[in-house]
Each structure stands twice: as C-alpha cells, then as structure tokens.
Amino acid sequence: MKRVIKDFRSVEKHHLDLIAQCYPEGFDSEDIISILNPKGKFIRCLEVKTDECTFMFKIDEDMVEKLDEYTGDQFEIGDIEDVYNEEY
C-alpha cells in the first residue's frame, strides 16, 4: 500500500477531516509512531489508513496548532510536547 507523508504545509481540509474521523476523541503520545523518512531521519507521525493509501502526518508544533484551530474544543490533543521535542 502506498504511504504518503504530510506535514502542516501540505495538509488540506480533507486530511484534517480524516484525522478527526480516525481519532474522534483526539490522540496522545501513545498514538504517535516513529518512521524513517526518505532522507534517513526519524520523524514522529500519526498514522491514518484509507482504502487508497496510508497517510503519515508529521506531528510537530505547527501541525498540532493547525489541528487545534481546525477541530476546536471537540478534539483532545494529549500531552505530546515531549514527542515533537525529542531528538534521535
């Protein structure tokens, strides 16, 4: 299955809808996985599978802010600050 990595600059409304649909109660550090990107660096991602592909949404401060603005009060983003601040 095709895997697509997205960050806050390339994410669109339908991607944010997918995240909210897949994680209706929100997400926390236990939902974040580490993957090796094409440049050989580990990144932290939230995985969302569709029929066509698997989206890997890079989780960093900018993505969290974008999700927070889009979803408002109905979506809980747990304590993940240590996730996007942690270095490999």
N, C-alpha and C. Protein backbone atom coordinates (compact mmCIF):
# COMPACT_ATOMS: atom_id res chain seq x y z
N MET A 1 0.84 -1.18 0.00
CA MET A 1 0.00 0.00 0.00
C MET A 1 0.89 1.25 0.00
N LYS A 2 0.49 2.23 -0.75
CA LYS A 2 1.22 3.49 -0.85
C LYS A 2 1.20 4.23 0.48
N ARG A 3 2.34 4.82 0.84
CA ARG A 3 2.45 5.59 2.08
C ARG A 3 2.80 7.03 1.72
N VAL A 4 2.02 7.99 2.23
CA VAL A 4 2.21 9.40 1.93
C VAL A 4 2.49 10.15 3.22
N ILE A 5 3.61 10.87 3.25
CA ILE A 5 3.97 11.67 4.42
C ILE A 5 3.49 13.09 4.19
N LYS A 6 2.77 13.64 5.16
CA LYS A 6 2.25 15.00 5.09
C LYS A 6 2.73 15.79 6.30
N ASP A 7 3.03 17.08 6.07
CA ASP A 7 3.31 17.95 7.20
C ASP A 7 2.30 19.10 7.17
N PHE A 8 2.43 20.03 8.09
CA PHE A 8 1.42 21.08 8.23
C PHE A 8 1.30 21.94 6.98
N ARG A 9 2.36 22.05 6.19
CA ARG A 9 2.32 22.88 4.98
C ARG A 9 1.53 22.23 3.85
N SER A 10 1.48 20.90 3.81
CA SER A 10 0.81 20.21 2.70
C SER A 10 -0.53 19.60 3.08
N VAL A 11 -0.92 19.72 4.34
CA VAL A 11 -2.18 19.13 4.78
C VAL A 11 -3.35 20.02 4.32
N GLU A 12 -4.42 19.37 3.87
CA GLU A 12 -5.62 20.06 3.40
C GLU A 12 -6.79 19.70 4.29
N LYS A 13 -7.92 20.38 4.07
CA LYS A 13 -9.10 20.19 4.90
C LYS A 13 -9.51 18.72 4.98
N HIS A 14 -9.51 18.01 3.85
CA HIS A 14 -9.95 16.61 3.88
C HIS A 14 -8.98 15.74 4.69
N HIS A 15 -7.70 16.12 4.77
CA HIS A 15 -6.75 15.39 5.62
C HIS A 15 -7.09 15.60 7.09
N LEU A 16 -7.41 16.85 7.44
CA LEU A 16 -7.79 17.14 8.83
C LEU A 16 -9.06 16.40 9.20
N ASP A 17 -9.99 16.30 8.25
CA ASP A 17 -11.21 15.52 8.48
C ASP A 17 -10.89 14.05 8.72
N LEU A 18 -9.94 13.50 7.95
CA LEU A 18 -9.53 12.10 8.13
C LEU A 18 -8.97 11.87 9.53
N ILE A 19 -8.13 12.79 9.99
CA ILE A 19 -7.55 12.65 11.33
C ILE A 19 -8.65 12.68 12.38
N ALA A 20 -9.56 13.65 12.26
CA ALA A 20 -10.65 13.76 13.23
C ALA A 20 -11.57 12.54 13.19
N GLN A 21 -11.76 11.97 12.01
CA GLN A 21 -12.59 10.78 11.86
C GLN A 21 -11.91 9.54 12.45
N CYS A 22 -10.62 9.41 12.22
CA CYS A 22 -9.87 8.25 12.70
C CYS A 22 -9.63 8.31 14.21
N TYR A 23 -9.49 9.52 14.73
CA TYR A 23 -9.23 9.74 16.16
C TYR A 23 -10.31 10.68 16.70
N PRO A 24 -11.56 10.22 16.80
CA PRO A 24 -12.67 11.11 17.18
C PRO A 24 -12.54 11.72 18.57
N GLU A 25 -11.86 11.04 19.45
CA GLU A 25 -11.66 11.57 20.81
C GLU A 25 -10.35 12.34 20.92
N GLY A 26 -9.58 12.37 19.84
CA GLY A 26 -8.27 13.01 19.87
C GLY A 26 -7.17 11.96 19.94
N PHE A 27 -5.94 12.42 20.19
CA PHE A 27 -4.82 11.49 20.26
C PHE A 27 -3.81 11.98 21.29
N ASP A 28 -2.91 11.07 21.68
CA ASP A 28 -1.83 11.44 22.60
C ASP A 28 -0.56 10.73 22.16
N SER A 29 0.45 10.76 22.99
CA SER A 29 1.76 10.22 22.61
C SER A 29 1.73 8.73 22.27
N GLU A 30 0.78 7.98 22.81
CA GLU A 30 0.69 6.55 22.52
C GLU A 30 0.26 6.27 21.08
N ASP A 31 -0.37 7.25 20.43
CA ASP A 31 -0.82 7.10 19.05
C ASP A 31 0.24 7.49 18.03
N ILE A 32 1.32 8.10 18.48
CA ILE A 32 2.38 8.59 17.61
C ILE A 32 3.39 7.47 17.35
N ILE A 33 3.77 7.31 16.09
CA ILE A 33 4.78 6.31 15.75
C ILE A 33 6.00 7.01 15.13
N SER A 34 7.13 6.35 15.18
CA SER A 34 8.35 6.87 14.57
C SER A 34 8.60 6.12 13.27
N ILE A 35 8.92 6.88 12.22
CA ILE A 35 9.24 6.27 10.94
C ILE A 35 10.52 6.90 10.40
N LEU A 36 11.16 6.18 9.52
CA LEU A 36 12.35 6.68 8.84
C LEU A 36 11.90 7.32 7.53
N ASN A 37 12.17 8.61 7.37
CA ASN A 37 11.74 9.29 6.15
C ASN A 37 12.72 9.00 5.01
N PRO A 38 12.40 9.41 3.79
CA PRO A 38 13.28 9.13 2.64
C PRO A 38 14.69 9.73 2.78
N LYS A 39 14.84 10.72 3.63
CA LYS A 39 16.16 11.34 3.83
C LYS A 39 16.97 10.63 4.91
N GLY A 40 16.41 9.57 5.50
CA GLY A 40 17.13 8.80 6.50
C GLY A 40 17.00 9.33 7.92
N LYS A 41 16.06 10.24 8.16
CA LYS A 41 15.84 10.77 9.51
C LYS A 41 14.55 10.21 10.08
N PHE A 42 14.55 9.98 11.39
CA PHE A 42 13.33 9.55 12.05
C PHE A 42 12.43 10.75 12.28
N ILE A 43 11.13 10.55 12.00
CA ILE A 43 10.14 11.58 12.28
C ILE A 43 8.99 10.94 13.04
N ARG A 44 8.26 11.76 13.79
CA ARG A 44 7.10 11.30 14.56
C ARG A 44 5.84 11.57 13.75
N CYS A 45 5.01 10.54 13.62
CA CYS A 45 3.83 10.65 12.76
C CYS A 45 2.59 10.04 13.41
N LEU A 46 1.47 10.54 12.95
CA LEU A 46 0.17 9.98 13.28
C LEU A 46 -0.29 9.25 12.02
N GLU A 47 -0.62 7.97 12.16
CA GLU A 47 -0.97 7.14 11.00
C GLU A 47 -2.48 7.11 10.79
N VAL A 48 -2.89 7.35 9.53
CA VAL A 48 -4.30 7.26 9.14
C VAL A 48 -4.38 6.44 7.86
N LYS A 49 -5.09 5.31 7.92
CA LYS A 49 -5.21 4.43 6.75
C LYS A 49 -6.53 4.69 6.03
N THR A 50 -6.44 4.73 4.69
CA THR A 50 -7.63 4.81 3.84
C THR A 50 -7.57 3.63 2.87
N ASP A 51 -8.58 3.51 2.03
CA ASP A 51 -8.58 2.44 1.03
C ASP A 51 -7.47 2.62 0.00
N GLU A 52 -7.11 3.87 -0.29
CA GLU A 52 -6.12 4.17 -1.32
C GLU A 52 -4.69 4.16 -0.82
N CYS A 53 -4.48 4.64 0.41
CA CYS A 53 -3.11 4.77 0.91
C CYS A 53 -3.10 4.91 2.43
N THR A 54 -1.90 4.95 2.97
CA THR A 54 -1.71 5.23 4.39
C THR A 54 -1.06 6.60 4.49
N PHE A 55 -1.73 7.51 5.18
CA PHE A 55 -1.17 8.83 5.41
C PHE A 55 -0.37 8.81 6.71
N MET A 56 0.80 9.41 6.66
CA MET A 56 1.64 9.59 7.83
C MET A 56 1.74 11.09 8.05
N PHE A 57 1.02 11.61 9.06
CA PHE A 57 1.00 13.04 9.32
C PHE A 57 2.09 13.37 10.33
N LYS A 58 3.08 14.13 9.87
CA LYS A 58 4.19 14.52 10.73
C LYS A 58 3.66 15.40 11.86
N ILE A 59 3.92 14.98 13.09
CA ILE A 59 3.44 15.71 14.25
C ILE A 59 4.55 16.59 14.79
N ASP A 60 4.31 17.89 14.72
CA ASP A 60 5.20 18.88 15.31
C ASP A 60 4.33 20.02 15.84
N GLU A 61 4.94 21.05 16.37
CA GLU A 61 4.17 22.14 16.96
C GLU A 61 3.22 22.78 15.95
N ASP A 62 3.67 22.95 14.72
CA ASP A 62 2.83 23.58 13.69
C ASP A 62 1.61 22.73 13.35
N MET A 63 1.79 21.42 13.25
CA MET A 63 0.67 20.54 12.94
C MET A 63 -0.33 20.51 14.09
N VAL A 64 0.17 20.47 15.31
CA VAL A 64 -0.71 20.47 16.48
C VAL A 64 -1.52 21.76 16.51
N GLU A 65 -0.89 22.89 16.21
CA GLU A 65 -1.60 24.17 16.18
C GLU A 65 -2.68 24.17 15.10
N LYS A 66 -2.35 23.65 13.93
CA LYS A 66 -3.31 23.59 12.82
C LYS A 66 -4.50 22.70 13.18
N LEU A 67 -4.24 21.54 13.78
CA LEU A 67 -5.31 20.64 14.20
C LEU A 67 -6.18 21.28 15.28
N ASP A 68 -5.54 21.95 16.21
CA ASP A 68 -6.25 22.62 17.29
C ASP A 68 -7.19 23.69 16.75
N GLU A 69 -6.71 24.50 15.82
CA GLU A 69 -7.53 25.55 15.22
C GLU A 69 -8.68 24.96 14.42
N TYR A 70 -8.43 23.89 13.71
CA TYR A 70 -9.44 23.30 12.84
C TYR A 70 -10.54 22.59 13.63
N THR A 71 -10.15 21.83 14.64
CA THR A 71 -11.12 20.99 15.35
C THR A 71 -11.78 21.68 16.52
N GLY A 72 -11.13 22.67 17.10
CA GLY A 72 -11.72 23.38 18.22
C GLY A 72 -11.81 22.53 19.47
N ASP A 73 -12.85 22.75 20.25
CA ASP A 73 -13.00 22.12 21.57
C ASP A 73 -13.36 20.65 21.52
N GLN A 74 -13.86 20.16 20.39
CA GLN A 74 -14.34 18.78 20.34
C GLN A 74 -13.23 17.74 20.21
N PHE A 75 -11.99 18.17 20.07
CA PHE A 75 -10.88 17.26 19.79
C PHE A 75 -9.81 17.43 20.85
N GLU A 76 -9.40 16.35 21.47
CA GLU A 76 -8.41 16.38 22.55
C GLU A 76 -7.04 15.98 22.02
N ILE A 77 -6.08 16.86 22.18
CA ILE A 77 -4.70 16.53 21.86
C ILE A 77 -3.98 16.40 23.18
N GLY A 78 -3.59 15.17 23.51
CA GLY A 78 -2.97 14.89 24.80
C GLY A 78 -1.59 15.49 24.94
N ASP A 79 -0.92 15.09 25.99
CA ASP A 79 0.41 15.60 26.29
C ASP A 79 1.42 14.99 25.32
N ILE A 80 1.71 15.71 24.26
CA ILE A 80 2.64 15.19 23.25
C ILE A 80 3.84 16.09 23.05
N GLU A 81 3.98 17.12 23.87
CA GLU A 81 5.09 18.05 23.70
C GLU A 81 6.43 17.32 23.69
N ASP A 82 6.57 16.31 24.55
CA ASP A 82 7.82 15.55 24.58
C ASP A 82 8.05 14.79 23.28
N VAL A 83 6.98 14.47 22.55
CA VAL A 83 7.10 13.73 21.30
C VAL A 83 7.77 14.57 20.22
N TYR A 84 7.32 15.80 20.03
CA TYR A 84 7.92 16.58 18.95
C TYR A 84 9.17 17.33 19.37
N ASN A 85 9.50 17.31 20.64
CA ASN A 85 10.76 17.91 21.09
C ASN A 85 11.88 16.88 21.20
N GLU A 86 11.54 15.60 21.19
CA GLU A 86 12.54 14.54 21.35
C GLU A 86 13.36 14.39 20.08
N GLU A 87 14.64 14.27 20.22
CA GLU A 87 15.54 14.10 19.08
C GLU A 87 16.08 12.68 19.05
N TYR A 88 16.40 12.20 17.87
CA TYR A 88 17.05 10.90 17.71
C TYR A 88 18.50 11.12 17.47
